[in-house]
Amino acid sequence: MSTVPPEISTSGRAEPQQQGLGSQMASAYGAHEHEIGEGPVARALEEQTAKLPSDTWLWAAFLSIFASLYFQSRGESHRSMFIGQWAPTFLLLGIYNKLVKLHGSE
């Protein structure tokens, strides 16, 4: 069962889409184009994190892994697991940051 309303379905159309599916769905449900976009908090965070080099997130993940190994070698397994679980979060933040830099936020 599809959640896309039939009036914005892309099947059977030969012409290219002018808007993304999210904009089409928002319009179909009554949102106007000027209402679509990021909130002020997300926009402010993205502006600040865009100033960081992309490899910052990669280095943060590596530091998390190395700190986890350090605590594991000292026998502090709970602290090691806690810090080691930060690495995927840093990597995901790096991916998000890179996508915002390349494609912008709408």
PDB file of N, CA and C in Angstrom:
ATOM      1  N   MET A   1       0.841  -1.176   0.000  1.00  0.00           N
ATOM      2  CA  MET A   1       0.000   0.000   0.000  1.00  0.00           C
ATOM      3  C   MET A   1       0.885   1.238   0.000  1.00  0.00           C
ATOM      4  N   SER A   2       0.670   2.110  -0.951  1.00  0.00           N
ATOM      5  CA  SER A   2       1.503   3.297  -1.109  1.00  0.00           C
ATOM      6  C   SER A   2       0.961   4.445  -0.264  1.00  0.00           C
ATOM      7  N   THR A   3       1.871   5.234   0.321  1.00  0.00           N
ATOM      8  CA  THR A   3       1.451   6.394   1.099  1.00  0.00           C
ATOM      9  C   THR A   3       1.457   7.674   0.268  1.00  0.00           C
ATOM     10  N   VAL A   4       1.885   7.584  -0.987  1.00  0.00           N
ATOM     11  CA  VAL A   4       1.922   8.752  -1.858  1.00  0.00           C
ATOM     12  C   VAL A   4       0.548   8.943  -2.472  1.00  0.00           C
ATOM     13  N   PRO A   5      -0.058  10.119  -2.322  1.00  0.00           N
ATOM     14  CA  PRO A   5      -1.364  10.354  -2.933  1.00  0.00           C
ATOM     15  C   PRO A   5      -1.291  10.188  -4.449  1.00  0.00           C
ATOM     16  N   PRO A   6      -2.359   9.646  -5.075  1.00  0.00           N
ATOM     17  CA  PRO A   6      -2.316   9.360  -6.511  1.00  0.00           C
ATOM     18  C   PRO A   6      -2.118  10.595  -7.372  1.00  0.00           C
ATOM     19  N   GLU A   7      -2.537  11.769  -6.905  1.00  0.00           N
ATOM     20  CA  GLU A   7      -2.388  12.972  -7.729  1.00  0.00           C
ATOM     21  C   GLU A   7      -0.946  13.428  -7.883  1.00  0.00           C
ATOM     22  N   ILE A   8      -0.016  12.892  -7.062  1.00  0.00           N
ATOM     23  CA  ILE A   8       1.389  13.262  -7.220  1.00  0.00           C
ATOM     24  C   ILE A   8       2.255  12.072  -7.574  1.00  0.00           C
ATOM     25  N   SER A   9       1.634  10.969  -7.941  1.00  0.00           N
ATOM     26  CA  SER A   9       2.390   9.783  -8.332  1.00  0.00           C
ATOM     27  C   SER A   9       3.200  10.071  -9.583  1.00  0.00           C
ATOM     28  N   THR A  10       4.416   9.536  -9.642  1.00  0.00           N
ATOM     29  CA  THR A  10       5.305   9.802 -10.778  1.00  0.00           C
ATOM     30  C   THR A  10       5.196   8.751 -11.859  1.00  0.00           C
ATOM     31  N   SER A  11       4.422   7.701 -11.631  1.00  0.00           N
ATOM     32  CA  SER A  11       4.335   6.650 -12.634  1.00  0.00           C
ATOM     33  C   SER A  11       3.530   7.130 -13.836  1.00  0.00           C
ATOM     34  N   GLY A  12       3.999   6.791 -15.033  1.00  0.00           N
ATOM     35  CA  GLY A  12       3.282   7.125 -16.245  1.00  0.00           C
ATOM     36  C   GLY A  12       3.563   8.512 -16.784  1.00  0.00           C
ATOM     37  N   ARG A  13       4.453   9.277 -16.147  1.00  0.00           N
ATOM     38  CA  ARG A  13       4.771  10.621 -16.637  1.00  0.00           C
ATOM     39  C   ARG A  13       6.068  10.583 -17.413  1.00  0.00           C
ATOM     40  N   ALA A  14       6.085  11.269 -18.546  1.00  0.00           N
ATOM     41  CA  ALA A  14       7.289  11.299 -19.369  1.00  0.00           C
ATOM     42  C   ALA A  14       8.156  12.513 -19.066  1.00  0.00           C
ATOM     43  N   GLU A  15       7.541  13.623 -18.605  1.00  0.00           N
ATOM     44  CA  GLU A  15       8.317  14.835 -18.353  1.00  0.00           C
ATOM     45  C   GLU A  15       9.054  14.725 -17.024  1.00  0.00           C
ATOM     46  N   PRO A  16      10.231  15.348 -16.908  1.00  0.00           N
ATOM     47  CA  PRO A  16      10.991  15.288 -15.653  1.00  0.00           C
ATOM     48  C   PRO A  16      10.281  16.071 -14.561  1.00  0.00           C
ATOM     49  N   GLN A  17      10.541  15.669 -13.325  1.00  0.00           N
ATOM     50  CA  GLN A  17       9.941  16.351 -12.187  1.00  0.00           C
ATOM     51  C   GLN A  17      10.614  17.702 -11.977  1.00  0.00           C
ATOM     52  N   GLN A  18       9.831  18.701 -11.638  1.00  0.00           N
ATOM     53  CA  GLN A  18      10.359  20.029 -11.348  1.00  0.00           C
ATOM     54  C   GLN A  18      10.636  20.193  -9.853  1.00  0.00           C
ATOM     55  N   GLN A  19       9.915  19.448  -9.020  1.00  0.00           N
ATOM     56  CA  GLN A  19      10.087  19.537  -7.580  1.00  0.00           C
ATOM     57  C   GLN A  19      10.407  18.158  -7.035  1.00  0.00           C
ATOM     58  N   GLY A  20      10.971  18.107  -5.854  1.00  0.00           N
ATOM     59  CA  GLY A  20      11.201  16.831  -5.191  1.00  0.00           C
ATOM     60  C   GLY A  20       9.898  16.285  -4.645  1.00  0.00           C
ATOM     61  N   LEU A  21       9.900  15.013  -4.305  1.00  0.00           N
ATOM     62  CA  LEU A  21       8.701  14.364  -3.808  1.00  0.00           C
ATOM     63  C   LEU A  21       8.225  15.000  -2.508  1.00  0.00           C
ATOM     64  N   GLY A  22       9.155  15.414  -1.649  1.00  0.00           N
ATOM     65  CA  GLY A  22       8.760  16.049  -0.393  1.00  0.00           C
ATOM     66  C   GLY A  22       8.005  17.343  -0.618  1.00  0.00           C
ATOM     67  N   SER A  23       8.450  18.150  -1.581  1.00  0.00           N
ATOM     68  CA  SER A  23       7.753  19.393  -1.895  1.00  0.00           C
ATOM     69  C   SER A  23       6.385  19.108  -2.481  1.00  0.00           C
ATOM     70  N   GLN A  24       6.303  18.080  -3.327  1.00  0.00           N
ATOM     71  CA  GLN A  24       5.020  17.724  -3.923  1.00  0.00           C
ATOM     72  C   GLN A  24       4.042  17.256  -2.863  1.00  0.00           C
ATOM     73  N   MET A  25       4.523  16.420  -1.952  1.00  0.00           N
ATOM     74  CA  MET A  25       3.636  15.922  -0.903  1.00  0.00           C
ATOM     75  C   MET A  25       3.196  17.052   0.012  1.00  0.00           C
ATOM     76  N   ALA A  26       4.111  17.951   0.349  1.00  0.00           N
ATOM     77  CA  ALA A  26       3.752  19.084   1.208  1.00  0.00           C
ATOM     78  C   ALA A  26       2.695  19.942   0.528  1.00  0.00           C
ATOM     79  N   SER A  27       2.877  20.180  -0.777  1.00  0.00           N
ATOM     80  CA  SER A  27       1.888  20.968  -1.515  1.00  0.00           C
ATOM     81  C   SER A  27       0.555  20.251  -1.568  1.00  0.00           C
ATOM     82  N   ALA A  28       0.586  18.922  -1.727  1.00  0.00           N
ATOM     83  CA  ALA A  28      -0.646  18.153  -1.797  1.00  0.00           C
ATOM     84  C   ALA A  28      -1.420  18.210  -0.486  1.00  0.00           C
ATOM     85  N   TYR A  29      -0.732  18.394   0.614  1.00  0.00           N
ATOM     86  CA  TYR A  29      -1.390  18.451   1.910  1.00  0.00           C
ATOM     87  C   TYR A  29      -1.595  19.870   2.417  1.00  0.00           C
ATOM     88  N   GLY A  30      -1.405  20.862   1.548  1.00  0.00           N
ATOM     89  CA  GLY A  30      -1.756  22.232   1.902  1.00  0.00           C
ATOM     90  C   GLY A  30      -0.624  23.120   2.369  1.00  0.00           C
ATOM     91  N   ALA A  31       0.598  22.658   2.395  1.00  0.00           N
ATOM     92  CA  ALA A  31       1.722  23.510   2.793  1.00  0.00           C
ATOM     93  C   ALA A  31       2.209  24.278   1.581  1.00  0.00           C
ATOM     94  N   HIS A  32       2.489  25.542   1.752  1.00  0.00           N
ATOM     95  CA  HIS A  32       2.986  26.360   0.659  1.00  0.00           C
ATOM     96  C   HIS A  32       4.501  26.282   0.621  1.00  0.00           C
ATOM     97  N   GLU A  33       5.087  26.605  -0.523  1.00  0.00           N
ATOM     98  CA  GLU A  33       6.528  26.445  -0.703  1.00  0.00           C
ATOM     99  C   GLU A  33       7.335  27.252   0.305  1.00  0.00           C
ATOM    100  N   HIS A  34       6.867  28.451   0.673  1.00  0.00           N
ATOM    101  CA  HIS A  34       7.626  29.255   1.634  1.00  0.00           C
ATOM    102  C   HIS A  34       7.565  28.684   3.044  1.00  0.00           C
ATOM    103  N   GLU A  35       6.661  27.730   3.288  1.00  0.00           N
ATOM    104  CA  GLU A  35       6.551  27.110   4.602  1.00  0.00           C
ATOM    105  C   GLU A  35       7.447  25.885   4.734  1.00  0.00           C
ATOM    106  N   ILE A  36       8.029  25.434   3.624  1.00  0.00           N
ATOM    107  CA  ILE A  36       8.855  24.240   3.638  1.00  0.00           C
ATOM    108  C   ILE A  36      10.294  24.652   3.918  1.00  0.00           C
ATOM    109  N   GLY A  37      10.941  23.995   4.860  1.00  0.00           N
ATOM    110  CA  GLY A  37      12.334  24.314   5.129  1.00  0.00           C
ATOM    111  C   GLY A  37      12.724  23.983   6.548  1.00  0.00           C
ATOM    112  N   GLU A  38      13.943  24.314   6.867  1.00  0.00           N
ATOM    113  CA  GLU A  38      14.488  24.048   8.190  1.00  0.00           C
ATOM    114  C   GLU A  38      14.024  25.108   9.176  1.00  0.00           C
ATOM    115  N   GLY A  39      13.998  24.712  10.426  1.00  0.00           N
ATOM    116  CA  GLY A  39      13.694  25.649  11.480  1.00  0.00           C
ATOM    117  C   GLY A  39      14.912  26.487  11.813  1.00  0.00           C
ATOM    118  N   PRO A  40      14.749  27.520  12.619  1.00  0.00           N
ATOM    119  CA  PRO A  40      15.872  28.405  12.928  1.00  0.00           C
ATOM    120  C   PRO A  40      16.984  27.715  13.714  1.00  0.00           C
ATOM    121  N   VAL A  41      16.651  26.757  14.562  1.00  0.00           N
ATOM    122  CA  VAL A  41      17.677  26.067  15.347  1.00  0.00           C
ATOM    123  C   VAL A  41      18.536  25.191  14.433  1.00  0.00           C
ATOM    124  N   ALA A  42      17.885  24.403  13.555  1.00  0.00           N
ATOM    125  CA  ALA A  42      18.638  23.541  12.633  1.00  0.00           C
ATOM    126  C   ALA A  42      19.503  24.377  11.701  1.00  0.00           C
ATOM    127  N   ARG A  43      18.964  25.467  11.208  1.00  0.00           N
ATOM    128  CA  ARG A  43      19.730  26.321  10.294  1.00  0.00           C
ATOM    129  C   ARG A  43      20.952  26.914  11.002  1.00  0.00           C
ATOM    130  N   ALA A  44      20.788  27.360  12.245  1.00  0.00           N
ATOM    131  CA  ALA A  44      21.912  27.933  12.998  1.00  0.00           C
ATOM    132  C   ALA A  44      22.985  26.874  13.266  1.00  0.00           C
ATOM    133  N   LEU A  45      22.566  25.662  13.641  1.00  0.00           N
ATOM    134  CA  LEU A  45      23.538  24.588  13.875  1.00  0.00           C
ATOM    135  C   LEU A  45      24.280  24.228  12.600  1.00  0.00           C
ATOM    136  N   GLU A  46      23.559  24.154  11.483  1.00  0.00           N
ATOM    137  CA  GLU A  46      24.197  23.801  10.216  1.00  0.00           C
ATOM    138  C   GLU A  46      25.177  24.877   9.771  1.00  0.00           C
ATOM    139  N   GLU A  47      24.846  26.148  10.019  1.00  0.00           N
ATOM    140  CA  GLU A  47      25.771  27.223   9.657  1.00  0.00           C
ATOM    141  C   GLU A  47      27.066  27.129  10.457  1.00  0.00           C
ATOM    142  N   GLN A  48      26.954  26.780  11.749  1.00  0.00           N
ATOM    143  CA  GLN A  48      28.150  26.689  12.585  1.00  0.00           C
ATOM    144  C   GLN A  48      28.975  25.446  12.257  1.00  0.00           C
ATOM    145  N   THR A  49      28.311  24.291  12.077  1.00  0.00           N
ATOM    146  CA  THR A  49      29.061  23.072  11.800  1.00  0.00           C
ATOM    147  C   THR A  49      29.634  23.069  10.389  1.00  0.00           C
ATOM    148  N   ALA A  50      29.075  23.859   9.484  1.00  0.00           N
ATOM    149  CA  ALA A  50      29.632  23.947   8.128  1.00  0.00           C
ATOM    150  C   ALA A  50      31.014  24.597   8.140  1.00  0.00           C
ATOM    151  N   LYS A  51      31.328  25.310   9.196  1.00  0.00           N
ATOM    152  CA  LYS A  51      32.635  25.957   9.308  1.00  0.00           C
ATOM    153  C   LYS A  51      33.736  24.960   9.680  1.00  0.00           C
ATOM    154  N   LEU A  52      33.339  23.793  10.196  1.00  0.00           N
ATOM    155  CA  LEU A  52      34.320  22.778  10.580  1.00  0.00           C
ATOM    156  C   LEU A  52      34.785  22.014   9.346  1.00  0.00           C
ATOM    157  N   PRO A  53      36.070  21.663   9.285  1.00  0.00           N
ATOM    158  CA  PRO A  53      36.523  20.806   8.190  1.00  0.00           C
ATOM    159  C   PRO A  53      35.856  19.433   8.300  1.00  0.00           C
ATOM    160  N   SER A  54      35.623  18.802   7.173  1.00  0.00           N
ATOM    161  CA  SER A  54      34.922  17.512   7.162  1.00  0.00           C
ATOM    162  C   SER A  54      35.676  16.424   7.910  1.00  0.00           C
ATOM    163  N   ASP A  55      36.993  16.487   7.914  1.00  0.00           N
ATOM    164  CA  ASP A  55      37.741  15.429   8.589  1.00  0.00           C
ATOM    165  C   ASP A  55      37.706  15.548  10.109  1.00  0.00           C
ATOM    166  N   THR A  56      37.127  16.609  10.643  1.00  0.00           N
ATOM    167  CA  THR A  56      36.975  16.752  12.098  1.00  0.00           C
ATOM    168  C   THR A  56      36.183  15.577  12.660  1.00  0.00           C
ATOM    169  N   TRP A  57      35.103  15.208  11.959  1.00  0.00           N
ATOM    170  CA  TRP A  57      34.246  14.117  12.429  1.00  0.00           C
ATOM    171  C   TRP A  57      34.972  12.778  12.349  1.00  0.00           C
ATOM    172  N   LEU A  58      35.798  12.599  11.323  1.00  0.00           N
ATOM    173  CA  LEU A  58      36.570  11.368  11.188  1.00  0.00           C
ATOM    174  C   LEU A  58      37.594  11.247  12.311  1.00  0.00           C
ATOM    175  N   TRP A  59      38.298  12.335  12.613  1.00  0.00           N
ATOM    176  CA  TRP A  59      39.257  12.322  13.709  1.00  0.00           C
ATOM    177  C   TRP A  59      38.577  12.092  15.057  1.00  0.00           C
ATOM    178  N   ALA A  60      37.400  12.656  15.234  1.00  0.00           N
ATOM    179  CA  ALA A  60      36.656  12.435  16.488  1.00  0.00           C
ATOM    180  C   ALA A  60      36.297  10.959  16.634  1.00  0.00           C
ATOM    181  N   ALA A  61      35.907  10.317  15.530  1.00  0.00           N
ATOM    182  CA  ALA A  61      35.592   8.884  15.576  1.00  0.00           C
ATOM    183  C   ALA A  61      36.838   8.072  15.913  1.00  0.00           C
ATOM    184  N   PHE A  62      37.977   8.397  15.271  1.00  0.00           N
ATOM    185  CA  PHE A  62      39.221   7.676  15.567  1.00  0.00           C
ATOM    186  C   PHE A  62      39.636   7.863  17.027  1.00  0.00           C
ATOM    187  N   LEU A  63      39.529   9.078  17.538  1.00  0.00           N
ATOM    188  CA  LEU A  63      39.867   9.320  18.947  1.00  0.00           C
ATOM    189  C   LEU A  63      38.969   8.524  19.879  1.00  0.00           C
ATOM    190  N   SER A  64      37.705   8.421  19.522  1.00  0.00           N
ATOM    191  CA  SER A  64      36.784   7.626  20.322  1.00  0.00           C
ATOM    192  C   SER A  64      37.198   6.163  20.344  1.00  0.00           C
ATOM    193  N   ILE A  65      37.586   5.649  19.185  1.00  0.00           N
ATOM    194  CA  ILE A  65      38.024   4.253  19.104  1.00  0.00           C
ATOM    195  C   ILE A  65      39.299   4.038  19.921  1.00  0.00           C
ATOM    196  N   PHE A  66      40.272   4.937  19.771  1.00  0.00           N
ATOM    197  CA  PHE A  66      41.532   4.796  20.505  1.00  0.00           C
ATOM    198  C   PHE A  66      41.322   4.951  22.015  1.00  0.00           C
ATOM    199  N   ALA A  67      40.472   5.873  22.421  1.00  0.00           N
ATOM    200  CA  ALA A  67      40.177   6.025  23.853  1.00  0.00           C
ATOM    201  C   ALA A  67      39.491   4.780  24.384  1.00  0.00           C
ATOM    202  N   SER A  68      38.613   4.198  23.576  1.00  0.00           N
ATOM    203  CA  SER A  68      37.957   2.962  23.980  1.00  0.00           C
ATOM    204  C   SER A  68      38.968   1.831  24.171  1.00  0.00           C
ATOM    205  N   LEU A  69      39.901   1.731  23.235  1.00  0.00           N
ATOM    206  CA  LEU A  69      40.954   0.708  23.366  1.00  0.00           C
ATOM    207  C   LEU A  69      41.814   0.936  24.609  1.00  0.00           C
ATOM    208  N   TYR A  70      42.104   2.200  24.890  1.00  0.00           N
ATOM    209  CA  TYR A  70      42.893   2.545  26.070  1.00  0.00           C
ATOM    210  C   TYR A  70      42.181   2.095  27.346  1.00  0.00           C
ATOM    211  N   PHE A  71      40.902   2.439  27.461  1.00  0.00           N
ATOM    212  CA  PHE A  71      40.166   2.059  28.673  1.00  0.00           C
ATOM    213  C   PHE A  71      39.972   0.555  28.764  1.00  0.00           C
ATOM    214  N   GLN A  72      39.824  -0.107  27.613  1.00  0.00           N
ATOM    215  CA  GLN A  72      39.695  -1.561  27.615  1.00  0.00           C
ATOM    216  C   GLN A  72      40.981  -2.207  28.124  1.00  0.00           C
ATOM    217  N   SER A  73      42.130  -1.662  27.718  1.00  0.00           N
ATOM    218  CA  SER A  73      43.415  -2.219  28.170  1.00  0.00           C
ATOM    219  C   SER A  73      43.631  -2.008  29.661  1.00  0.00           C
ATOM    220  N   ARG A  74      42.983  -1.011  30.232  1.00  0.00           N
ATOM    221  CA  ARG A  74      43.095  -0.753  31.671  1.00  0.00           C
ATOM    222  C   ARG A  74      42.054  -1.513  32.475  1.00  0.00           C
ATOM    223  N   GLY A  75      41.197  -2.279  31.781  1.00  0.00           N
ATOM    224  CA  GLY A  75      40.189  -3.075  32.474  1.00  0.00           C
ATOM    225  C   GLY A  75      38.901  -2.332  32.786  1.00  0.00           C
ATOM    226  N   GLU A  76      38.749  -1.161  32.244  1.00  0.00           N
ATOM    227  CA  GLU A  76      37.529  -0.380  32.476  1.00  0.00           C
ATOM    228  C   GLU A  76      36.565  -0.614  31.313  1.00  0.00           C
ATOM    229  N   SER A  77      35.918  -1.781  31.337  1.00  0.00           N
ATOM    230  CA  SER A  77      35.120  -2.193  30.176  1.00  0.00           C
ATOM    231  C   SER A  77      33.863  -1.346  29.982  1.00  0.00           C
ATOM    232  N   HIS A  78      33.228  -0.921  31.055  1.00  0.00           N
ATOM    233  CA  HIS A  78      32.017  -0.100  30.893  1.00  0.00           C
ATOM    234  C   HIS A  78      32.346   1.249  30.262  1.00  0.00           C
ATOM    235  N   ARG A  79      33.384   1.880  30.740  1.00  0.00           N
ATOM    236  CA  ARG A  79      33.800   3.161  30.163  1.00  0.00           C
ATOM    237  C   ARG A  79      34.261   2.966  28.718  1.00  0.00           C
ATOM    238  N   SER A  80      34.940   1.869  28.463  1.00  0.00           N
ATOM    239  CA  SER A  80      35.410   1.558  27.114  1.00  0.00           C
ATOM    240  C   SER A  80      34.242   1.418  26.145  1.00  0.00           C
ATOM    241  N   MET A  81      33.219   0.688  26.544  1.00  0.00           N
ATOM    242  CA  MET A  81      32.051   0.516  25.667  1.00  0.00           C
ATOM    243  C   MET A  81      31.311   1.837  25.461  1.00  0.00           C
ATOM    244  N   PHE A  82      31.183   2.609  26.518  1.00  0.00           N
ATOM    245  CA  PHE A  82      30.481   3.903  26.422  1.00  0.00           C
ATOM    246  C   PHE A  82      31.174   4.821  25.418  1.00  0.00           C
ATOM    247  N   ILE A  83      32.481   4.958  25.532  1.00  0.00           N
ATOM    248  CA  ILE A  83      33.223   5.849  24.639  1.00  0.00           C
ATOM    249  C   ILE A  83      33.319   5.260  23.231  1.00  0.00           C
ATOM    250  N   GLY A  84      33.445   3.944  23.123  1.00  0.00           N
ATOM    251  CA  GLY A  84      33.525   3.307  21.821  1.00  0.00           C
ATOM    252  C   GLY A  84      32.257   3.469  20.996  1.00  0.00           C
ATOM    253  N   GLN A  85      31.132   3.622  21.662  1.00  0.00           N
ATOM    254  CA  GLN A  85      29.869   3.794  20.942  1.00  0.00           C
ATOM    255  C   GLN A  85      29.703   5.201  20.376  1.00  0.00           C
ATOM    256  N   TRP A  86      30.596   6.104  20.682  1.00  0.00           N
ATOM    257  CA  TRP A  86      30.525   7.445  20.101  1.00  0.00           C
ATOM    258  C   TRP A  86      30.967   7.462  18.644  1.00  0.00           C
ATOM    259  N   ALA A  87      31.842   6.530  18.258  1.00  0.00           N
ATOM    260  CA  ALA A  87      32.410   6.541  16.901  1.00  0.00           C
ATOM    261  C   ALA A  87      31.342   6.545  15.802  1.00  0.00           C
ATOM    262  N   PRO A  88      30.338   5.657  15.826  1.00  0.00           N
ATOM    263  CA  PRO A  88      29.327   5.703  14.767  1.00  0.00           C
ATOM    264  C   PRO A  88      28.548   7.019  14.759  1.00  0.00           C
ATOM    265  N   THR A  89      28.341   7.589  15.936  1.00  0.00           N
ATOM    266  CA  THR A  89      27.637   8.868  16.011  1.00  0.00           C
ATOM    267  C   THR A  89      28.440   9.968  15.331  1.00  0.00           C
ATOM    268  N   PHE A  90      29.734  10.016  15.603  1.00  0.00           N
ATOM    269  CA  PHE A  90      30.584  11.014  14.946  1.00  0.00           C
ATOM    270  C   PHE A  90      30.595  10.821  13.430  1.00  0.00           C
ATOM    271  N   LEU A  91      30.660   9.574  12.982  1.00  0.00           N
ATOM    272  CA  LEU A  91      30.672   9.314  11.548  1.00  0.00           C
ATOM    273  C   LEU A  91      29.353   9.725  10.895  1.00  0.00           C
ATOM    274  N   LEU A  92      28.238   9.453  11.558  1.00  0.00           N
ATOM    275  CA  LEU A  92      26.937   9.873  11.023  1.00  0.00           C
ATOM    276  C   LEU A  92      26.802  11.389  10.997  1.00  0.00           C
ATOM    277  N   LEU A  93      27.309  12.049  12.018  1.00  0.00           N
ATOM    278  CA  LEU A  93      27.291  13.516  12.004  1.00  0.00           C
ATOM    279  C   LEU A  93      28.141  14.057  10.864  1.00  0.00           C
ATOM    280  N   GLY A  94      29.252  13.393  10.585  1.00  0.00           N
ATOM    281  CA  GLY A  94      30.100  13.794   9.461  1.00  0.00           C
ATOM    282  C   GLY A  94      29.386  13.626   8.132  1.00  0.00           C
ATOM    283  N   ILE A  95      28.664  12.520   7.973  1.00  0.00           N
ATOM    284  CA  ILE A  95      27.905  12.300   6.737  1.00  0.00           C
ATOM    285  C   ILE A  95      26.828  13.360   6.590  1.00  0.00           C
ATOM    286  N   TYR A  96      26.097  13.626   7.662  1.00  0.00           N
ATOM    287  CA  TYR A  96      25.050  14.650   7.619  1.00  0.00           C
ATOM    288  C   TYR A  96      25.644  16.013   7.272  1.00  0.00           C
ATOM    289  N   ASN A  97      26.753  16.346   7.904  1.00  0.00           N
ATOM    290  CA  ASN A  97      27.412  17.626   7.656  1.00  0.00           C
ATOM    291  C   ASN A  97      27.849  17.738   6.197  1.00  0.00           C
ATOM    292  N   LYS A  98      28.393  16.660   5.651  1.00  0.00           N
ATOM    293  CA  LYS A  98      28.839  16.658   4.259  1.00  0.00           C
ATOM    294  C   LYS A  98      27.645  16.830   3.310  1.00  0.00           C
ATOM    295  N   LEU A  99      26.544  16.155   3.601  1.00  0.00           N
ATOM    296  CA  LEU A  99      25.348  16.293   2.761  1.00  0.00           C
ATOM    297  C   LEU A  99      24.808  17.719   2.784  1.00  0.00           C
ATOM    298  N   VAL A 100      24.827  18.337   3.954  1.00  0.00           N
ATOM    299  CA  VAL A 100      24.353  19.721   4.052  1.00  0.00           C
ATOM    300  C   VAL A 100      25.274  20.643   3.284  1.00  0.00           C
ATOM    301  N   LYS A 101      26.588  20.393   3.352  1.00  0.00           N
ATOM    302  CA  LYS A 101      27.528  21.233   2.609  1.00  0.00           C
ATOM    303  C   LYS A 101      27.342  21.077   1.096  1.00  0.00           C
ATOM    304  N   LEU A 102      27.110  19.841   0.634  1.00  0.00           N
ATOM    305  CA  LEU A 102      26.994  19.595  -0.803  1.00  0.00           C
ATOM    306  C   LEU A 102      25.643  20.018  -1.370  1.00  0.00           C
ATOM    307  N   HIS A 103      24.574  19.720  -0.642  1.00  0.00           N
ATOM    308  CA  HIS A 103      23.238  19.923  -1.175  1.00  0.00           C
ATOM    309  C   HIS A 103      22.471  21.048  -0.501  1.00  0.00           C
ATOM    310  N   GLY A 104      22.990  21.576   0.567  1.00  0.00           N
ATOM    311  CA  GLY A 104      22.294  22.629   1.287  1.00  0.00           C
ATOM    312  C   GLY A 104      21.125  22.055   2.078  1.00  0.00           C
ATOM    313  N   SER A 105      20.493  22.892   2.833  1.00  0.00           N
ATOM    314  CA  SER A 105      19.307  22.493   3.577  1.00  0.00           C
ATOM    315  C   SER A 105      18.140  23.276   3.032  1.00  0.00           C
ATOM    316  N   GLU A 106      17.032  22.620   2.961  1.00  0.00           N
ATOM    317  CA  GLU A 106      15.859  23.282   2.380  1.00  0.00           C
ATOM    318  C   GLU A 106      14.811  23.541   3.401  1.00  0.00           C
TER     319      GLU A 106
END
